[in-house]
Amino acid sequence: MPMARRRRKLRITPVLSAFVWGVLTGLGLEPGQMIVETTLRQLGPYFQLASVLLFIAVLYFSYSWIIEGWQRSKRAFRVAGAIGIAAIVLAFISGFLIFTWDKAAIVLVISAGAWLYATWR
């Protein structure tokens, strides 16, 4: 008796998340760096201790972003394999190329197609 195939849910969220990340990087926005620069500029010498503590907090949250990204990559690899990881990298590149919208759109469509192929096979 053949086993019934388990249906997989259609999730395009990793591709869209990588696209938004690429857009923010392409625009030159990095929230952690912006917080540190603004804090150091606004605080005077009397608040150096507060500045150091805030810097440590920003470093902690930046570290957690790296760990979270690594965990998401491992999860994506388990779900979609090497093709899925390539699709996420393509989505990031698409977001980075947002100022050339035609290239960005083409790369994003290829990324979404590769992600769907990798998760449905």
Protein backbone atom coordinates (compact mmCIF):
# COMPACT_ATOMS: atom_id res chain seq x y z
CA MET A 1 0.00 0.00 0.00
CA PRO A 2 1.62 3.31 -1.06
CA MET A 3 2.18 5.95 1.61
CA ALA A 4 0.31 9.18 1.20
CA ARG A 5 2.53 12.17 0.54
CA ARG A 6 2.46 14.79 3.20
CA ARG A 7 1.32 18.16 1.93
CA ARG A 8 3.68 21.02 2.49
CA LYS A 9 2.43 24.47 3.21
CA LEU A 10 3.34 27.15 0.71
CA ARG A 11 5.63 29.60 2.51
CA ILE A 12 7.35 32.35 0.56
CA THR A 13 8.22 34.30 3.73
CA PRO A 14 11.99 33.48 3.72
CA VAL A 15 12.35 34.85 0.20
CA LEU A 16 10.45 38.04 1.04
CA SER A 17 12.43 38.47 4.26
CA ALA A 18 15.72 38.22 2.38
CA PHE A 19 14.41 40.71 -0.21
CA VAL A 20 13.58 43.28 2.50
CA TRP A 21 16.97 42.72 4.09
CA GLY A 22 18.60 43.32 0.70
CA VAL A 23 16.56 46.50 0.18
CA LEU A 24 17.66 47.89 3.54
CA THR A 25 21.28 47.00 2.83
CA GLY A 26 21.04 48.48 -0.66
CA LEU A 27 19.71 51.71 0.79
CA GLY A 28 22.62 51.75 3.22
CA LEU A 29 20.47 51.41 6.32
CA GLU A 30 21.79 49.48 9.27
CA PRO A 31 19.71 50.10 12.40
CA GLY A 32 22.36 49.03 14.89
CA GLN A 33 24.96 51.34 13.41
CA MET A 34 22.50 54.23 13.25
CA ILE A 35 21.65 53.83 16.94
CA VAL A 36 25.32 53.79 17.97
CA GLU A 37 26.25 56.82 15.87
CA THR A 38 23.28 58.89 17.06
CA THR A 39 23.86 57.96 20.68
CA LEU A 40 27.55 58.81 20.58
CA ARG A 41 26.86 62.14 18.87
CA GLN A 42 24.11 63.22 21.29
CA LEU A 43 25.62 62.12 24.58
CA GLY A 44 28.24 64.32 26.19
CA PRO A 45 31.18 63.30 28.34
CA TYR A 46 28.93 63.16 31.42
CA PHE A 47 26.97 60.29 29.93
CA GLN A 48 29.86 58.12 28.75
CA LEU A 49 28.88 55.28 31.04
CA ALA A 50 25.35 55.25 29.61
CA SER A 51 26.84 55.30 26.13
CA VAL A 52 29.05 52.30 26.86
CA LEU A 53 26.10 50.35 28.29
CA LEU A 54 23.98 51.15 25.25
CA PHE A 55 26.84 50.11 22.98
CA ILE A 56 27.05 46.77 24.79
CA ALA A 57 23.29 46.32 24.37
CA VAL A 58 23.54 47.09 20.63
CA LEU A 59 26.39 44.62 20.29
CA TYR A 60 24.31 42.00 22.08
CA PHE A 61 21.34 42.54 19.76
CA SER A 62 23.61 42.52 16.70
CA TYR A 63 25.04 39.22 17.87
CA SER A 64 21.54 37.83 18.28
CA TRP A 65 20.72 38.89 14.67
CA ILE A 66 23.72 36.87 13.49
CA ILE A 67 22.67 33.84 15.53
CA GLU A 68 19.06 34.17 14.33
CA GLY A 69 20.21 34.45 10.72
CA TRP A 70 22.36 31.35 11.12
CA GLN A 71 19.43 29.42 12.63
CA ARG A 72 17.13 30.53 9.82
CA SER A 73 19.72 29.43 7.26
CA LYS A 74 19.99 25.99 8.86
CA ARG A 75 16.19 25.70 8.94
CA ALA A 76 15.93 26.79 5.31
CA PHE A 77 18.60 24.27 4.34
CA ARG A 78 16.68 21.49 6.07
CA VAL A 79 13.46 22.49 4.31
CA ALA A 80 14.77 23.36 0.86
CA GLY A 81 18.39 22.22 0.55
CA ALA A 82 21.07 24.00 -1.44
CA ILE A 83 18.59 25.30 -4.02
CA GLY A 84 16.60 26.96 -1.24
CA ILE A 85 19.71 28.65 0.15
CA ALA A 86 20.56 29.84 -3.36
CA ALA A 87 17.02 31.21 -3.67
CA ILE A 88 17.40 33.17 -0.45
CA VAL A 89 20.75 34.57 -1.61
CA LEU A 90 19.14 35.58 -4.92
CA ALA A 91 16.32 37.31 -3.04
CA PHE A 92 18.88 39.26 -1.04
CA ILE A 93 20.66 40.26 -4.25
CA SER A 94 17.31 41.29 -5.70
CA GLY A 95 16.68 43.59 -2.77
CA PHE A 96 20.19 44.98 -3.10
CA LEU A 97 19.49 45.80 -6.77
CA ILE A 98 16.26 47.64 -5.97
CA PHE A 99 17.40 50.83 -7.72
CA THR A 100 17.51 48.93 -11.02
CA TRP A 101 13.96 47.67 -10.61
CA ASP A 102 13.84 45.59 -13.81
CA LYS A 103 16.87 43.51 -12.79
CA ALA A 104 15.57 43.30 -9.22
CA ALA A 105 12.19 42.04 -10.40
CA ILE A 106 13.74 39.40 -12.65
CA VAL A 107 16.06 38.14 -9.91
CA LEU A 108 13.19 38.12 -7.39
CA VAL A 109 10.97 36.06 -9.72
CA ILE A 110 13.84 33.61 -10.32
CA SER A 111 14.40 33.43 -6.56
CA ALA A 112 10.73 32.77 -5.81
CA GLY A 113 10.61 30.10 -8.52
CA ALA A 114 13.73 28.40 -7.18
CA TRP A 115 12.32 28.50 -3.64
CA LEU A 116 9.02 26.98 -4.74
CA TYR A 117 10.84 24.29 -6.74
CA ALA A 118 13.07 23.47 -3.78
CA THR A 119 10.20 23.22 -1.30
CA TRP A 120 7.82 21.29 -3.54
CA ARG A 121 10.17 18.61 -4.84
